[in-house]
PDB file of N, CA and C in Angstrom:
ATOM      1  N   MET A   1     134.347 105.464  77.002  1.00  0.00           N
ATOM      2  CA  MET A   1     135.729 105.810  76.519  1.00  0.00           C
ATOM      3  C   MET A   1     136.309 106.498  77.965  1.00  0.00           C
ATOM      4  N   PHE A   2     135.163 107.125  78.568  1.00  0.00           N
ATOM      5  CA  PHE A   2     136.168 108.296  79.380  1.00  0.00           C
ATOM      6  C   PHE A   2     136.099 107.754  80.904  1.00  0.00           C
ATOM      7  N   THR A   3     134.861 106.329  80.797  1.00  0.00           N
ATOM      8  CA  THR A   3     134.767 106.236  82.417  1.00  0.00           C
ATOM      9  C   THR A   3     135.895 104.942  82.743  1.00  0.00           C
ATOM     10  N   ALA A   4     136.283 104.590  81.456  1.00  0.00           N
ATOM     11  CA  ALA A   4     137.703 103.259  81.464  1.00  0.00           C
ATOM     12  C   ALA A   4     138.959 104.443  82.675  1.00  0.00           C
ATOM     13  N   ILE A   5     138.828 105.739  82.276  1.00  0.00           N
ATOM     14  CA  ILE A   5     139.806 106.287  83.057  1.00  0.00           C
ATOM     15  C   ILE A   5     139.969 106.992  84.629  1.00  0.00           C
ATOM     16  N   GLY A   6     138.079 106.599  85.193  1.00  0.00           N
ATOM     17  CA  GLY A   6     138.202 107.031  86.130  1.00  0.00           C
ATOM     18  C   GLY A   6     137.575 108.432  86.769  1.00  0.00           C
ATOM     19  N   ARG A   7     138.300 108.684  86.146  1.00  0.00           N
ATOM     20  CA  ARG A   7     137.786 110.535  86.164  1.00  0.00           C
ATOM     21  C   ARG A   7     137.754 111.582  84.760  1.00  0.00           C
ATOM     22  N   PRO A   8     137.233 112.361  85.070  1.00  0.00           N
ATOM     23  CA  PRO A   8     137.244 113.415  83.892  1.00  0.00           C
ATOM     24  C   PRO A   8     138.208 113.991  83.331  1.00  0.00           C
ATOM     25  N   VAL A   9     138.670 113.922  81.819  1.00  0.00           N
ATOM     26  CA  VAL A   9     139.731 114.457  81.857  1.00  0.00           C
ATOM     27  C   VAL A   9     139.304 115.809  80.661  1.00  0.00           C
ATOM     28  N   PRO A  10     139.965 116.355  80.604  1.00  0.00           N
ATOM     29  CA  PRO A  10     139.650 117.896  80.155  1.00  0.00           C
ATOM     30  C   PRO A  10     140.105 117.376  78.330  1.00  0.00           C
ATOM     31  N   VAL A  11     139.299 117.665  77.066  1.00  0.00           N
ATOM     32  CA  VAL A  11     139.391 117.141  75.925  1.00  0.00           C
ATOM     33  C   VAL A  11     139.489 119.076  75.008  1.00  0.00           C
ATOM     34  N   ALA A  12     140.149 119.124  74.293  1.00  0.00           N
ATOM     35  CA  ALA A  12     140.087 120.151  73.252  1.00  0.00           C
ATOM     36  C   ALA A  12     140.389 119.389  71.489  1.00  0.00           C
ATOM     37  N   ALA A  13     139.327 119.238  71.000  1.00  0.00           N
ATOM     38  CA  ALA A  13     138.310 119.255  70.183  1.00  0.00           C
ATOM     39  C   ALA A  13     138.360 119.967  68.765  1.00  0.00           C
ATOM     40  N   PHE A  14     138.258 119.692  67.352  1.00  0.00           N
ATOM     41  CA  PHE A  14     137.841 120.578  66.072  1.00  0.00           C
ATOM     42  C   PHE A  14     136.753 119.694  65.870  1.00  0.00           C
ATOM     43  N   VAL A  15     135.481 120.171  66.114  1.00  0.00           N
ATOM     44  CA  VAL A  15     134.414 119.149  65.852  1.00  0.00           C
ATOM     45  C   VAL A  15     133.757 120.224  64.170  1.00  0.00           C
ATOM     46  N   LEU A  16     132.989 119.239  63.391  1.00  0.00           N
ATOM     47  CA  LEU A  16     132.388 119.544  62.056  1.00  0.00           C
ATOM     48  C   LEU A  16     131.473 120.540  62.451  1.00  0.00           C
ATOM     49  N   ARG A  17     130.612 121.707  61.838  1.00  0.00           N
ATOM     50  CA  ARG A  17     129.724 122.572  62.838  1.00  0.00           C
ATOM     51  C   ARG A  17     128.271 121.054  62.436  1.00  0.00           C
ATOM     52  N   THR A  18     128.287 120.292  61.002  1.00  0.00           N
ATOM     53  CA  THR A  18     127.314 119.174  61.227  1.00  0.00           C
ATOM     54  C   THR A  18     127.023 118.757  62.173  1.00  0.00           C
ATOM     55  N   HIS A  19     127.931 118.049  63.236  1.00  0.00           N
ATOM     56  CA  HIS A  19     128.315 117.465  64.900  1.00  0.00           C
ATOM     57  C   HIS A  19     128.284 118.292  65.558  1.00  0.00           C
ATOM     58  N   ASP A  20     128.091 119.616  65.320  1.00  0.00           N
ATOM     59  CA  ASP A  20     128.251 119.922  67.144  1.00  0.00           C
ATOM     60  C   ASP A  20     127.571 119.971  68.101  1.00  0.00           C
ATOM     61  N   GLY A  21     126.210 119.837  67.838  1.00  0.00           N
ATOM     62  CA  GLY A  21     125.360 119.507  68.721  1.00  0.00           C
ATOM     63  C   GLY A  21     125.395 118.131  69.734  1.00  0.00           C
ATOM     64  N   PRO A  22     125.690 117.438  68.892  1.00  0.00           N
ATOM     65  CA  PRO A  22     125.824 115.772  69.334  1.00  0.00           C
ATOM     66  C   PRO A  22     126.907 115.865  70.170  1.00  0.00           C
ATOM     67  N   ILE A  23     128.333 116.567  69.529  1.00  0.00           N
ATOM     68  CA  ILE A  23     129.669 115.934  70.626  1.00  0.00           C
ATOM     69  C   ILE A  23     129.808 116.787  71.654  1.00  0.00           C
ATOM     70  N   SER A  24     129.171 118.299  71.893  1.00  0.00           N
ATOM     71  CA  SER A  24     128.850 119.078  72.734  1.00  0.00           C
ATOM     72  C   SER A  24     128.099 117.963  74.159  1.00  0.00           C
ATOM     73  N   ARG A  25     126.440 117.616  73.370  1.00  0.00           N
ATOM     74  CA  ARG A  25     125.620 117.001  74.322  1.00  0.00           C
ATOM     75  C   ARG A  25     126.392 115.449  75.449  1.00  0.00           C
ATOM     76  N   ARG A  26     127.386 114.583  74.129  1.00  0.00           N
ATOM     77  CA  ARG A  26     127.972 113.382  74.782  1.00  0.00           C
ATOM     78  C   ARG A  26     128.853 113.648  75.522  1.00  0.00           C
ATOM     79  N   LEU A  27     130.059 114.688  75.672  1.00  0.00           N
ATOM     80  CA  LEU A  27     130.999 115.667  76.271  1.00  0.00           C
ATOM     81  C   LEU A  27     130.048 115.770  77.618  1.00  0.00           C
ATOM     82  N   ARG A  28     128.927 116.785  77.177  1.00  0.00           N
ATOM     83  CA  ARG A  28     128.295 116.835  78.486  1.00  0.00           C
ATOM     84  C   ARG A  28     128.150 115.596  79.763  1.00  0.00           C
ATOM     85  N   SER A  29     127.843 114.528  78.911  1.00  0.00           N
ATOM     86  CA  SER A  29     127.070 113.701  79.875  1.00  0.00           C
ATOM     87  C   SER A  29     127.878 112.384  80.778  1.00  0.00           C
ATOM     88  N   TYR A  30     129.322 113.160  80.387  1.00  0.00           N
ATOM     89  CA  TYR A  30     130.410 112.858  80.828  1.00  0.00           C
ATOM     90  C   TYR A  30     130.760 113.591  82.346  1.00  0.00           C
ATOM     91  N   GLY A  31     129.991 114.836  82.455  1.00  0.00           N
ATOM     92  CA  GLY A  31     130.144 115.634  83.781  1.00  0.00           C
ATOM     93  C   GLY A  31     130.840 116.872  83.389  1.00  0.00           C
ATOM     94  N   LEU A  32     131.381 117.477  81.752  1.00  0.00           N
ATOM     95  CA  LEU A  32     132.484 118.058  81.498  1.00  0.00           C
ATOM     96  C   LEU A  32     131.656 119.660  81.350  1.00  0.00           C
ATOM     97  N   SER A  33     132.276 120.372  81.670  1.00  0.00           N
ATOM     98  CA  SER A  33     131.665 121.705  80.618  1.00  0.00           C
ATOM     99  C   SER A  33     132.134 122.222  79.607  1.00  0.00           C
ATOM    100  N   VAL A  34     131.606 122.101  78.494  1.00  0.00           N
ATOM    101  CA  VAL A  34     131.945 122.478  77.226  1.00  0.00           C
ATOM    102  C   VAL A  34     131.546 123.937  76.861  1.00  0.00           C
ATOM    103  N   GLU A  35     132.916 124.881  76.326  1.00  0.00           N
ATOM    104  CA  GLU A  35     132.780 125.612  75.809  1.00  0.00           C
ATOM    105  C   GLU A  35     133.283 125.756  74.088  1.00  0.00           C
ATOM    106  N   ARG A  36     132.493 126.452  73.525  1.00  0.00           N
ATOM    107  CA  ARG A  36     132.817 126.463  72.240  1.00  0.00           C
ATOM    108  C   ARG A  36     132.865 127.732  71.249  1.00  0.00           C
ATOM    109  N   ALA A  37     134.445 127.351  70.962  1.00  0.00           N
ATOM    110  CA  ALA A  37     134.999 129.100  69.890  1.00  0.00           C
ATOM    111  C   ALA A  37     133.491 129.644  69.193  1.00  0.00           C
ATOM    112  N   ALA A  38     133.742 130.951  69.459  1.00  0.00           N
ATOM    113  CA  ALA A  38     133.244 131.928  68.620  1.00  0.00           C
ATOM    114  C   ALA A  38     133.316 131.740  66.872  1.00  0.00           C
ATOM    115  N   THR A  39     134.358 131.507  66.540  1.00  0.00           N
ATOM    116  CA  THR A  39     134.931 131.157  65.106  1.00  0.00           C
ATOM    117  C   THR A  39     134.957 129.930  64.865  1.00  0.00           C
ATOM    118  N   THR A  40     135.249 129.829  63.090  1.00  0.00           N
ATOM    119  CA  THR A  40     135.457 128.863  62.438  1.00  0.00           C
ATOM    120  C   THR A  40     136.557 128.837  61.844  1.00  0.00           C
ATOM    121  N   GLN A  41     136.894 126.594  61.369  1.00  0.00           N
ATOM    122  CA  GLN A  41     138.380 126.954  60.697  1.00  0.00           C
ATOM    123  C   GLN A  41     137.471 125.911  59.807  1.00  0.00           C
ATOM    124  N   PRO A  42     138.641 126.775  57.864  1.00  0.00           N
ATOM    125  CA  PRO A  42     137.786 125.322  57.274  1.00  0.00           C
ATOM    126  C   PRO A  42     138.614 124.096  57.090  1.00  0.00           C
ATOM    127  N   GLN A  43     137.864 122.838  56.902  1.00  0.00           N
ATOM    128  CA  GLN A  43     138.751 121.573  57.576  1.00  0.00           C
ATOM    129  C   GLN A  43     139.021 121.137  55.949  1.00  0.00           C
ATOM    130  N   ARG A  44     138.171 121.033  55.220  1.00  0.00           N
ATOM    131  CA  ARG A  44     138.347 120.068  53.972  1.00  0.00           C
ATOM    132  C   ARG A  44     137.712 120.678  52.901  1.00  0.00           C
ATOM    133  N   ARG A  45     137.582 120.603  51.349  1.00  0.00           N
ATOM    134  CA  ARG A  45     136.737 120.997  50.271  1.00  0.00           C
ATOM    135  C   ARG A  45     136.231 119.486  50.594  1.00  0.00           C
ATOM    136  N   PHE A  46     134.459 120.327  50.342  1.00  0.00           N
ATOM    137  CA  PHE A  46     133.667 118.674  49.688  1.00  0.00           C
ATOM    138  C   PHE A  46     134.102 118.058  48.477  1.00  0.00           C
ATOM    139  N   THR A  47     133.905 116.701  48.560  1.00  0.00           N
ATOM    140  CA  THR A  47     134.569 116.299  47.465  1.00  0.00           C
ATOM    141  C   THR A  47     132.823 115.933  46.775  1.00  0.00           C
ATOM    142  N   ASP A  48     131.482 116.392  46.331  1.00  0.00           N
ATOM    143  CA  ASP A  48     130.879 116.547  45.190  1.00  0.00           C
ATOM    144  C   ASP A  48     129.554 117.331  46.038  1.00  0.00           C
ATOM    145  N   HIS A  49     128.564 117.627  44.885  1.00  0.00           N
ATOM    146  CA  HIS A  49     128.228 118.636  45.245  1.00  0.00           C
ATOM    147  C   HIS A  49     126.625 117.991  46.252  1.00  0.00           C
ATOM    148  N   GLY A  50     126.503 116.605  46.144  1.00  0.00           N
ATOM    149  CA  GLY A  50     126.136 116.109  47.080  1.00  0.00           C
ATOM    150  C   GLY A  50     126.003 115.914  48.865  1.00  0.00           C
ATOM    151  N   GLU A  51     128.006 115.980  48.930  1.00  0.00           N
ATOM    152  CA  GLU A  51     128.315 116.152  49.881  1.00  0.00           C
ATOM    153  C   GLU A  51     127.692 117.545  50.539  1.00  0.00           C
ATOM    154  N   GLN A  52     128.435 118.394  50.324  1.00  0.00           N
ATOM    155  CA  GLN A  52     127.868 120.090  49.921  1.00  0.00           C
ATOM    156  C   GLN A  52     125.965 120.179  50.483  1.00  0.00           C
ATOM    157  N   GLU A  53     125.653 119.802  49.782  1.00  0.00           N
ATOM    158  CA  GLU A  53     124.236 119.983  49.599  1.00  0.00           C
ATOM    159  C   GLU A  53     123.447 119.377  51.034  1.00  0.00           C
ATOM    160  N   ARG A  54     124.169 118.351  51.640  1.00  0.00           N
ATOM    161  CA  ARG A  54     123.657 117.847  53.114  1.00  0.00           C
ATOM    162  C   ARG A  54     124.487 118.199  54.287  1.00  0.00           C
ATOM    163  N   ALA A  55     125.535 118.783  53.728  1.00  0.00           N
ATOM    164  CA  ALA A  55     126.395 119.517  54.979  1.00  0.00           C
ATOM    165  C   ALA A  55     125.251 121.158  55.508  1.00  0.00           C
ATOM    166  N   VAL A  56     124.968 121.811  53.846  1.00  0.00           N
ATOM    167  CA  VAL A  56     124.522 123.066  54.123  1.00  0.00           C
ATOM    168  C   VAL A  56     123.006 122.994  54.918  1.00  0.00           C
ATOM    169  N   ALA A  57     122.561 121.823  54.078  1.00  0.00           N
ATOM    170  CA  ALA A  57     121.230 121.594  55.136  1.00  0.00           C
ATOM    171  C   ALA A  57     121.463 121.278  57.023  1.00  0.00           C
ATOM    172  N   THR A  58     122.611 120.217  56.947  1.00  0.00           N
ATOM    173  CA  THR A  58     122.599 119.997  58.416  1.00  0.00           C
ATOM    174  C   THR A  58     122.612 121.197  59.298  1.00  0.00           C
ATOM    175  N   VAL A  59     123.891 121.980  58.602  1.00  0.00           N
ATOM    176  CA  VAL A  59     123.799 123.618  59.587  1.00  0.00           C
ATOM    177  C   VAL A  59     123.216 124.402  59.456  1.00  0.00           C
ATOM    178  N   THR A  60     122.476 124.313  58.884  1.00  0.00           N
ATOM    179  CA  THR A  60     120.992 125.332  58.013  1.00  0.00           C
ATOM    180  C   THR A  60     119.943 124.982  59.659  1.00  0.00           C
ATOM    181  N   ALA A  61     120.457 123.957  59.521  1.00  0.00           N
ATOM    182  CA  ALA A  61     119.187 123.031  60.222  1.00  0.00           C
ATOM    183  C   ALA A  61     119.063 123.295  62.374  1.00  0.00           C
ATOM    184  N   CYS A  62     120.526 123.160  62.376  1.00  0.00           N
ATOM    185  CA  CYS A  62     121.063 123.261  63.909  1.00  0.00           C
ATOM    186  C   CYS A  62     121.271 124.743  64.596  1.00  0.00           C
ATOM    187  N   GLY A  63     120.349 125.287  63.048  1.00  0.00           N
ATOM    188  CA  GLY A  63     120.510 126.960  63.466  1.00  0.00           C
ATOM    189  C   GLY A  63     121.547 127.383  63.015  1.00  0.00           C
ATOM    190  N   GLU A  64     122.745 127.479  62.383  1.00  0.00           N
ATOM    191  CA  GLU A  64     123.353 128.007  62.036  1.00  0.00           C
ATOM    192  C   GLU A  64     124.084 128.553  60.535  1.00  0.00           C
ATOM    193  N   ASP A  65     124.307 129.329  60.300  1.00  0.00           N
ATOM    194  CA  ASP A  65     124.235 130.413  59.191  1.00  0.00           C
ATOM    195  C   ASP A  65     125.765 129.485  57.929  1.00  0.00           C
ATOM    196  N   PRO A  66     125.244 129.319  56.968  1.00  0.00           N
ATOM    197  CA  PRO A  66     126.479 128.435  55.863  1.00  0.00           C
ATOM    198  C   PRO A  66     127.147 128.987  55.384  1.00  0.00           C
ATOM    199  N   THR A  67     126.344 130.509  55.148  1.00  0.00           N
ATOM    200  CA  THR A  67     127.063 131.492  54.129  1.00  0.00           C
ATOM    201  C   THR A  67     128.390 131.539  54.081  1.00  0.00           C
ATOM    202  N   GLY A  68     129.089 131.389  53.328  1.00  0.00           N
ATOM    203  CA  GLY A  68     130.374 131.697  53.239  1.00  0.00           C
ATOM    204  C   GLY A  68     131.336 130.571  53.970  1.00  0.00           C
ATOM    205  N   LYS A  69     131.226 129.602  54.041  1.00  0.00           N
ATOM    206  CA  LYS A  69     131.604 128.869  54.590  1.00  0.00           C
ATOM    207  C   LYS A  69     131.185 127.454  54.198  1.00  0.00           C
ATOM    208  N   GLU A  70     130.344 126.637  54.799  1.00  0.00           N
ATOM    209  CA  GLU A  70     130.004 125.421  53.694  1.00  0.00           C
ATOM    210  C   GLU A  70     129.332 126.077  51.886  1.00  0.00           C
ATOM    211  N   SER A  71     128.338 126.439  52.176  1.00  0.00           N
ATOM    212  CA  SER A  71     127.779 126.975  51.433  1.00  0.00           C
ATOM    213  C   SER A  71     129.398 127.592  50.336  1.00  0.00           C
ATOM    214  N   ALA A  72     130.053 127.756  50.592  1.00  0.00           N
ATOM    215  CA  ALA A  72     131.667 128.214  49.672  1.00  0.00           C
ATOM    216  C   ALA A  72     132.494 127.184  49.375  1.00  0.00           C
ATOM    217  N   GLY A  73     132.005 125.665  49.848  1.00  0.00           N
ATOM    218  CA  GLY A  73     132.705 124.820  49.571  1.00  0.00           C
ATOM    219  C   GLY A  73     133.772 123.707  50.288  1.00  0.00           C
ATOM    220  N   TYR A  74     133.386 124.201  51.588  1.00  0.00           N
ATOM    221  CA  TYR A  74     134.232 124.073  52.699  1.00  0.00           C
ATOM    222  C   TYR A  74     133.591 123.530  54.142  1.00  0.00           C
ATOM    223  N   PHE A  75     133.581 121.905  53.996  1.00  0.00           N
ATOM    224  CA  PHE A  75     133.436 121.807  55.514  1.00  0.00           C
ATOM    225  C   PHE A  75     134.323 122.896  56.616  1.00  0.00           C
ATOM    226  N   HIS A  76     133.080 123.310  57.463  1.00  0.00           N
ATOM    227  CA  HIS A  76     134.070 124.216  58.965  1.00  0.00           C
ATOM    228  C   HIS A  76     134.032 123.542  59.912  1.00  0.00           C
ATOM    229  N   THR A  77     134.964 123.364  60.916  1.00  0.00           N
ATOM    230  CA  THR A  77     134.872 123.129  62.281  1.00  0.00           C
ATOM    231  C   THR A  77     134.681 124.323  63.365  1.00  0.00           C
ATOM    232  N   ARG A  78     134.900 123.673  64.688  1.00  0.00           N
ATOM    233  CA  ARG A  78     134.496 124.334  65.693  1.00  0.00           C
ATOM    234  C   ARG A  78     135.382 123.855  66.681  1.00  0.00           C
ATOM    235  N   LEU A  79     136.305 124.953  67.496  1.00  0.00           N
ATOM    236  CA  LEU A  79     137.151 124.422  68.375  1.00  0.00           C
ATOM    237  C   LEU A  79     136.016 123.977  69.709  1.00  0.00           C
ATOM    238  N   HIS A  80     135.987 122.998  70.479  1.00  0.00           N
ATOM    239  CA  HIS A  80     135.216 123.188  71.316  1.00  0.00           C
ATOM    240  C   HIS A  80     136.188 122.155  73.088  1.00  0.00           C
ATOM    241  N   LEU A  81     136.575 123.021  73.806  1.00  0.00           N
ATOM    242  CA  LEU A  81     136.814 122.405  74.884  1.00  0.00           C
ATOM    243  C   LEU A  81     136.443 122.593  76.171  1.00  0.00           C
ATOM    244  N   ALA A  82     136.248 120.944  76.704  1.00  0.00           N
ATOM    245  CA  ALA A  82     135.711 120.369  77.746  1.00  0.00           C
ATOM    246  C   ALA A  82     136.462 119.977  78.819  1.00  0.00           C
ATOM    247  N   ARG A  83     135.934 119.892  80.109  1.00  0.00           N
ATOM    248  CA  ARG A  83     136.778 120.107  80.759  1.00  0.00           C
ATOM    249  C   ARG A  83     136.085 119.879  82.158  1.00  0.00           C
TER     250      ARG A  83
END
């Protein structure tokens, strides 16, 4: 995607906490420096209990605390600034 442009392009993206690591690694692979916001924002409610359980497990496996966020019923996003 970025290789077609021929130069690094700044990116600002709200990324689900369940995908924080892979997105940051991918942006860095294009030579971008990635800054992640300390705070999160609610994105949407879970569609069912299974989706919530998977999100809580994934966020926990990534070393993040789902308390008051995914455990409270919402996907949460974090702003990533890449330049």
